[in-house]
Amino acid sequence: MQTKLTLRLDEQLIENAKLVAKQSGKSLSQMVADYFVQLNQKPSSKCQPLPPITASLLGCLPATTSQELDEEDYHSYLESKYQ
């Protein structure tokens, strides 16, 4: 059973959404319905491959110590930086 839903959104946002819907060959209602369906789907447990630009940056920073850095380390860094 389908039910009517009224949304109050910025006019420009609606116009942009209508344009995207038209370009994708869907109605705006179908796009909203597709989005709602995605909200109910569980995230995939598979790791997504990194985009090429991100993959090219992987490993470019020097390795840190074996221990994990935490918020306290960041605060210490900021204190020493701005003394």
Protein backbone atom coordinates (compact mmCIF):
# COMPACT_ATOMS: atom_id res chain seq x y z
CA MET A 1 0.00 0.00 0.00
CA GLN A 2 1.36 3.42 -0.91
CA THR A 3 0.83 6.48 1.25
CA LYS A 4 1.32 10.14 0.45
CA LEU A 5 4.21 11.92 2.22
CA THR A 6 4.59 15.69 2.39
CA LEU A 7 8.08 17.13 2.82
CA ARG A 8 8.98 20.75 3.44
CA LEU A 9 12.37 21.50 1.90
CA ASP A 10 14.28 24.43 0.45
CA GLU A 11 12.96 25.31 -3.02
CA GLN A 12 16.40 25.14 -4.64
CA LEU A 13 17.03 21.73 -3.09
CA ILE A 14 13.78 20.45 -4.56
CA GLU A 15 14.58 21.84 -8.01
CA ASN A 16 18.03 20.22 -7.97
CA ALA A 17 16.52 16.91 -6.85
CA LYS A 18 13.95 17.05 -9.65
CA LEU A 19 16.71 17.65 -12.18
CA VAL A 20 18.73 14.69 -10.88
CA ALA A 21 15.62 12.50 -10.94
CA LYS A 22 14.86 13.48 -14.52
CA GLN A 23 18.44 12.80 -15.60
CA SER A 24 18.36 9.36 -13.99
CA GLY A 25 14.99 8.50 -15.54
CA LYS A 26 13.21 8.24 -12.19
CA SER A 27 10.51 10.18 -10.44
CA LEU A 28 11.38 12.19 -7.38
CA SER A 29 9.13 9.88 -5.36
CA GLN A 30 11.07 6.86 -6.60
CA MET A 31 14.38 8.48 -5.66
CA VAL A 32 13.11 9.17 -2.12
CA ALA A 33 11.76 5.62 -1.86
CA ASP A 34 15.12 4.22 -3.02
CA TYR A 35 16.86 6.28 -0.35
CA PHE A 36 14.51 5.01 2.36
CA VAL A 37 15.18 1.42 1.24
CA GLN A 38 18.93 2.04 1.57
CA LEU A 39 18.43 3.25 5.13
CA ASN A 40 17.12 -0.18 6.08
CA GLN A 41 19.93 -2.13 4.44
CA LYS A 42 22.78 -3.38 6.57
CA PRO A 43 26.20 -2.07 5.59
CA SER A 44 28.25 -4.47 3.54
CA SER A 45 30.92 -6.29 5.52
CA LYS A 46 33.18 -6.34 2.47
CA CYS A 47 35.85 -3.67 2.34
CA GLN A 48 35.48 -1.32 -0.58
CA PRO A 49 38.64 -0.76 -2.62
CA LEU A 50 40.20 2.64 -2.10
CA PRO A 51 39.80 5.24 -4.84
CA PRO A 52 42.99 5.63 -6.91
CA ILE A 53 43.95 8.99 -5.42
CA THR A 54 43.51 7.72 -1.85
CA ALA A 55 45.41 4.52 -2.63
CA SER A 56 48.31 6.55 -4.03
CA LEU A 57 48.59 8.42 -0.70
CA LEU A 58 48.62 5.27 1.40
CA GLY A 59 51.91 4.90 3.22
CA CYS A 60 53.30 8.33 2.33
CA LEU A 61 53.43 9.44 5.97
CA PRO A 62 56.19 8.16 8.23
CA ALA A 63 55.20 5.30 10.50
CA THR A 64 54.40 6.17 14.11
CA THR A 65 55.45 4.18 17.14
CA SER A 66 53.83 0.82 17.69
CA GLN A 67 51.42 2.31 20.21
CA GLU A 68 48.24 3.97 19.04
CA LEU A 69 47.94 7.72 19.40
CA ASP A 70 44.98 9.05 21.32
CA GLU A 71 43.29 12.34 22.10
CA GLU A 72 45.69 13.05 24.98
CA ASP A 73 48.62 12.82 22.56
CA TYR A 74 46.92 15.35 20.33
CA HIS A 75 46.34 17.73 23.23
CA SER A 76 50.01 17.43 24.24
CA TYR A 77 51.04 18.19 20.67
CA LEU A 78 48.85 21.30 20.55
CA GLU A 79 50.15 22.53 23.91
CA SER A 80 53.75 22.24 22.79
CA LYS A 81 53.00 23.80 19.42
CA TYR A 82 51.28 26.90 20.81
CA GLN A 83 53.48 27.65 23.84
